[in-house]
Amino acid sequence: MFPKAQQGFLMPLALMLVVGISVLAIAVSRLSGQSTTSITLEEMSARAFYAAESGGQLAVGYLYLNASDRAETDQHCNDLNGFPVINLFPSGLTGCRTRFSCSASTNPANTASFYIITSQGVCGSGDFTAERNIQISTVMR
C-alpha cells in the first residue's frame, strides 16, 4: 500500500552518509598534518635553544680562558665579536649553528668589568627553521 511513497529514499541517505564521512576524513587528515608540523617546529625550537645555550657556554669559557686580569678578559670579549658561525655536530644538535657576541662595560669606580654575551642558536632551514637567543651576564673584578 505504501511502497511507492518510499521508493528511492535510501539512495539520497546513502549519498549524504558518504559525503559526510568524506568531509570528516579530510578534516582528520588535515588536522593530523598540522599536528605533525607543529611537533616538528616545537622540536626545532628546543634544539635551537640548546644550540644557543651551548654557544653561550662556549663563549663564557673562552672569555675567562687563561685570563688573569680584566684587560685580558676585555680583549677576549672583543675577540668573541669576530668569531665565525659555529656549526654544531653533537648528537641532537646536528644541523644547528650558533654565533655569539660580547659587550663590556665597567662600573663608575672602574673596579669591575661587566660582560654581556648574546648567543644565537639556529636549527633547520627553509620553512622549518627555529631561532632562539639568550643573554649571559658575568662580571670580573
C-alpha atoms as a PDB file:
ATOM      1  CA  MET A   1       0.000   0.000   0.000  1.00  0.00           C
ATOM      2  CA  PHE A   2       2.854   2.498   0.749  1.00  0.00           C
ATOM      3  CA  PRO A   3       5.783   1.058  -1.248  1.00  0.00           C
ATOM      4  CA  LYS A   4       5.599   3.735  -3.965  1.00  0.00           C
ATOM      5  CA  ALA A   5       5.976   6.540  -1.395  1.00  0.00           C
ATOM      6  CA  GLN A   6       9.237   5.059  -0.084  1.00  0.00           C
ATOM      7  CA  GLN A   7      10.968   4.344  -3.392  1.00  0.00           C
ATOM      8  CA  GLY A   8      14.429   5.937  -3.723  1.00  0.00           C
ATOM      9  CA  PHE A   9      14.672   7.075  -0.088  1.00  0.00           C
ATOM     10  CA  LEU A  10      17.825   5.053   0.688  1.00  0.00           C
ATOM     11  CA  MET A  11      19.797   6.428  -2.245  1.00  0.00           C
ATOM     12  CA  PRO A  12      19.878  10.089  -1.018  1.00  0.00           C
ATOM     13  CA  LEU A  13      20.518   8.893   2.555  1.00  0.00           C
ATOM     14  CA  ALA A  14      23.493   6.786   1.429  1.00  0.00           C
ATOM     15  CA  LEU A  15      24.839   9.692  -0.617  1.00  0.00           C
ATOM     16  CA  MET A  16      24.614  12.045   2.383  1.00  0.00           C
ATOM     17  CA  LEU A  17      26.410   9.496   4.576  1.00  0.00           C
ATOM     18  CA  VAL A  18      29.241   9.053   2.057  1.00  0.00           C
ATOM     19  CA  VAL A  19      29.677  12.841   1.707  1.00  0.00           C
ATOM     20  CA  GLY A  20      29.598  13.332   5.494  1.00  0.00           C
ATOM     21  CA  ILE A  21      32.179  10.627   6.136  1.00  0.00           C
ATOM     22  CA  SER A  22      34.400  12.008   3.345  1.00  0.00           C
ATOM     23  CA  VAL A  23      34.338  15.508   4.854  1.00  0.00           C
ATOM     24  CA  LEU A  24      35.188  14.063   8.268  1.00  0.00           C
ATOM     25  CA  ALA A  25      38.093  12.031   6.807  1.00  0.00           C
ATOM     26  CA  ILE A  26      39.525  15.119   5.069  1.00  0.00           C
ATOM     27  CA  ALA A  27      39.277  17.171   8.277  1.00  0.00           C
ATOM     28  CA  VAL A  28      41.059  14.484  10.311  1.00  0.00           C
ATOM     29  CA  SER A  29      43.762  14.205   7.659  1.00  0.00           C
ATOM     30  CA  ARG A  30      44.435  17.965   7.681  1.00  0.00           C
ATOM     31  CA  LEU A  31      44.451  18.112  11.462  1.00  0.00           C
ATOM     32  CA  SER A  32      46.945  15.257  11.588  1.00  0.00           C
ATOM     33  CA  GLY A  33      49.246  17.027   9.097  1.00  0.00           C
ATOM     34  CA  GLN A  34      49.127  20.278  11.069  1.00  0.00           C
ATOM     35  CA  SER A  35      49.875  18.414  14.287  1.00  0.00           C
ATOM     36  CA  THR A  36      52.958  16.795  12.744  1.00  0.00           C
ATOM     37  CA  THR A  37      54.237  20.185  11.528  1.00  0.00           C
ATOM     38  CA  SER A  38      53.627  21.718  14.955  1.00  0.00           C
ATOM     39  CA  ILE A  39      55.569  18.955  16.703  1.00  0.00           C
ATOM     40  CA  THR A  40      58.465  19.322  14.243  1.00  0.00           C
ATOM     41  CA  LEU A  41      58.674  23.086  14.816  1.00  0.00           C
ATOM     42  CA  GLU A  42      58.472  22.644  18.586  1.00  0.00           C
ATOM     43  CA  GLU A  43      61.352  20.164  18.477  1.00  0.00           C
ATOM     44  CA  MET A  44      63.382  22.563  16.277  1.00  0.00           C
ATOM     45  CA  SER A  45      62.738  25.379  18.750  1.00  0.00           C
ATOM     46  CA  ALA A  46      64.031  23.267  21.652  1.00  0.00           C
ATOM     47  CA  ARG A  47      67.130  22.302  19.653  1.00  0.00           C
ATOM     48  CA  ALA A  48      67.739  25.968  18.772  1.00  0.00           C
ATOM     49  CA  PHE A  49      67.566  26.868  22.478  1.00  0.00           C
ATOM     50  CA  TYR A  50      70.156  24.207  23.321  1.00  0.00           C
ATOM     51  CA  ALA A  51      72.345  25.426  20.451  1.00  0.00           C
ATOM     52  CA  ALA A  52      72.164  28.984  21.814  1.00  0.00           C
ATOM     53  CA  GLU A  53      72.937  27.721  25.311  1.00  0.00           C
ATOM     54  CA  SER A  54      75.907  25.703  24.035  1.00  0.00           C
ATOM     55  CA  GLY A  55      77.229  28.760  22.201  1.00  0.00           C
ATOM     56  CA  GLY A  56      76.844  30.864  25.341  1.00  0.00           C
ATOM     57  CA  GLN A  57      78.749  28.336  27.428  1.00  0.00           C
ATOM     58  CA  LEU A  58      81.485  28.172  24.813  1.00  0.00           C
ATOM     59  CA  ALA A  59      81.745  31.976  24.783  1.00  0.00           C
ATOM     60  CA  VAL A  60      81.936  32.245  28.595  1.00  0.00           C
ATOM     61  CA  GLY A  61      84.617  29.552  28.617  1.00  0.00           C
ATOM     62  CA  TYR A  62      86.656  31.498  26.076  1.00  0.00           C
ATOM     63  CA  LEU A  63      86.050  34.804  27.872  1.00  0.00           C
ATOM     64  CA  TYR A  64      87.827  33.581  31.015  1.00  0.00           C
ATOM     65  CA  LEU A  65      90.299  31.210  29.301  1.00  0.00           C
ATOM     66  CA  ASN A  66      93.746  31.865  30.854  1.00  0.00           C
ATOM     67  CA  ALA A  67      92.650  35.414  31.748  1.00  0.00           C
ATOM     68  CA  SER A  68      94.467  36.653  34.820  1.00  0.00           C
ATOM     69  CA  ASP A  69      93.191  40.232  34.781  1.00  0.00           C
ATOM     70  CA  ARG A  70      90.417  42.428  33.410  1.00  0.00           C
ATOM     71  CA  ALA A  71      92.490  43.651  30.451  1.00  0.00           C
ATOM     72  CA  GLU A  72      92.870  40.107  29.110  1.00  0.00           C
ATOM     73  CA  THR A  73      89.196  39.378  29.678  1.00  0.00           C
ATOM     74  CA  ASP A  74      88.267  42.619  27.880  1.00  0.00           C
ATOM     75  CA  GLN A  75      90.441  41.532  24.949  1.00  0.00           C
ATOM     76  CA  HIS A  76      88.772  38.109  24.886  1.00  0.00           C
ATOM     77  CA  CYS A  77      85.386  39.856  24.832  1.00  0.00           C
ATOM     78  CA  ASN A  78      86.470  41.848  21.780  1.00  0.00           C
ATOM     79  CA  ASP A  79      87.780  38.653  20.151  1.00  0.00           C
ATOM     80  CA  LEU A  80      84.409  36.949  20.593  1.00  0.00           C
ATOM     81  CA  ASN A  81      82.773  39.511  18.304  1.00  0.00           C
ATOM     82  CA  GLY A  82      84.908  38.315  15.396  1.00  0.00           C
ATOM     83  CA  PHE A  83      84.185  34.596  15.784  1.00  0.00           C
ATOM     84  CA  PRO A  84      82.549  32.940  12.755  1.00  0.00           C
ATOM     85  CA  VAL A  85      79.321  30.979  12.904  1.00  0.00           C
ATOM     86  CA  ILE A  86      79.958  27.616  14.543  1.00  0.00           C
ATOM     87  CA  ASN A  87      78.188  24.546  13.149  1.00  0.00           C
ATOM     88  CA  LEU A  88      77.312  22.130  15.930  1.00  0.00           C
ATOM     89  CA  PHE A  89      77.753  18.386  15.469  1.00  0.00           C
ATOM     90  CA  PRO A  90      76.949  16.778  18.828  1.00  0.00           C
ATOM     91  CA  SER A  91      74.174  14.217  18.854  1.00  0.00           C
ATOM     92  CA  GLY A  92      70.854  16.058  18.821  1.00  0.00           C
ATOM     93  CA  LEU A  93      72.277  19.347  17.521  1.00  0.00           C
ATOM     94  CA  THR A  94      73.256  18.236  14.028  1.00  0.00           C
ATOM     95  CA  GLY A  95      72.078  20.857  11.561  1.00  0.00           C
ATOM     96  CA  CYS A  96      72.240  23.615  14.170  1.00  0.00           C
ATOM     97  CA  ARG A  97      74.598  26.557  14.308  1.00  0.00           C
ATOM     98  CA  THR A  98      75.460  29.221  16.832  1.00  0.00           C
ATOM     99  CA  ARG A  99      77.012  32.645  16.822  1.00  0.00           C
ATOM    100  CA  PHE A 100      77.712  34.984  19.693  1.00  0.00           C
ATOM    101  CA  SER A 101      78.788  38.486  20.548  1.00  0.00           C
ATOM    102  CA  CYS A 102      80.135  40.162  23.651  1.00  0.00           C
ATOM    103  CA  SER A 103      79.873  43.656  25.066  1.00  0.00           C
ATOM    104  CA  ALA A 104      81.840  45.008  28.022  1.00  0.00           C
ATOM    105  CA  SER A 105      81.269  47.873  30.420  1.00  0.00           C
ATOM    106  CA  THR A 106      82.767  48.987  33.719  1.00  0.00           C
ATOM    107  CA  ASN A 107      81.370  50.363  36.938  1.00  0.00           C
ATOM    108  CA  PRO A 108      81.872  54.077  37.736  1.00  0.00           C
ATOM    109  CA  ALA A 109      84.831  53.356  40.010  1.00  0.00           C
ATOM    110  CA  ASN A 110      86.407  51.207  37.272  1.00  0.00           C
ATOM    111  CA  THR A 111      86.932  48.311  39.683  1.00  0.00           C
ATOM    112  CA  ALA A 112      84.863  45.714  37.799  1.00  0.00           C
ATOM    113  CA  SER A 113      84.097  44.781  34.216  1.00  0.00           C
ATOM    114  CA  PHE A 114      80.621  43.602  33.270  1.00  0.00           C
ATOM    115  CA  TYR A 115      80.160  41.384  30.231  1.00  0.00           C
ATOM    116  CA  ILE A 116      77.003  40.548  28.318  1.00  0.00           C
ATOM    117  CA  ILE A 117      77.285  37.635  25.920  1.00  0.00           C
ATOM    118  CA  THR A 118      74.472  37.254  23.424  1.00  0.00           C
ATOM    119  CA  SER A 119      74.240  33.831  21.843  1.00  0.00           C
ATOM    120  CA  GLN A 120      72.006  32.891  18.928  1.00  0.00           C
ATOM    121  CA  GLY A 121      71.102  29.309  18.065  1.00  0.00           C
ATOM    122  CA  VAL A 122      69.551  28.428  14.706  1.00  0.00           C
ATOM    123  CA  CYS A 123      68.369  24.971  13.632  1.00  0.00           C
ATOM    124  CA  GLY A 124      66.859  23.761  10.394  1.00  0.00           C
ATOM    125  CA  SER A 125      66.391  25.534   7.093  1.00  0.00           C
ATOM    126  CA  GLY A 126      63.645  26.844   4.856  1.00  0.00           C
ATOM    127  CA  ASP A 127      60.129  26.594   6.300  1.00  0.00           C
ATOM    128  CA  PHE A 128      61.397  24.509   9.197  1.00  0.00           C
ATOM    129  CA  THR A 129      63.779  26.954  10.847  1.00  0.00           C
ATOM    130  CA  ALA A 130      63.853  27.879  14.509  1.00  0.00           C
ATOM    131  CA  GLU A 131      65.946  30.617  16.121  1.00  0.00           C
ATOM    132  CA  ARG A 132      66.498  31.268  19.823  1.00  0.00           C
ATOM    133  CA  ASN A 133      68.596  33.935  21.544  1.00  0.00           C
ATOM    134  CA  ILE A 134      69.929  34.010  25.078  1.00  0.00           C
ATOM    135  CA  GLN A 135      71.973  36.527  27.046  1.00  0.00           C
ATOM    136  CA  ILE A 136      74.512  35.698  29.717  1.00  0.00           C
ATOM    137  CA  SER A 137      75.800  38.325  32.132  1.00  0.00           C
ATOM    138  CA  THR A 138      79.060  37.901  34.013  1.00  0.00           C
ATOM    139  CA  VAL A 139      81.469  40.102  35.924  1.00  0.00           C
ATOM    140  CA  MET A 140      85.207  40.213  36.656  1.00  0.00           C
ATOM    141  CA  ARG A 141      86.680  42.263  39.472  1.00  0.00           C
END
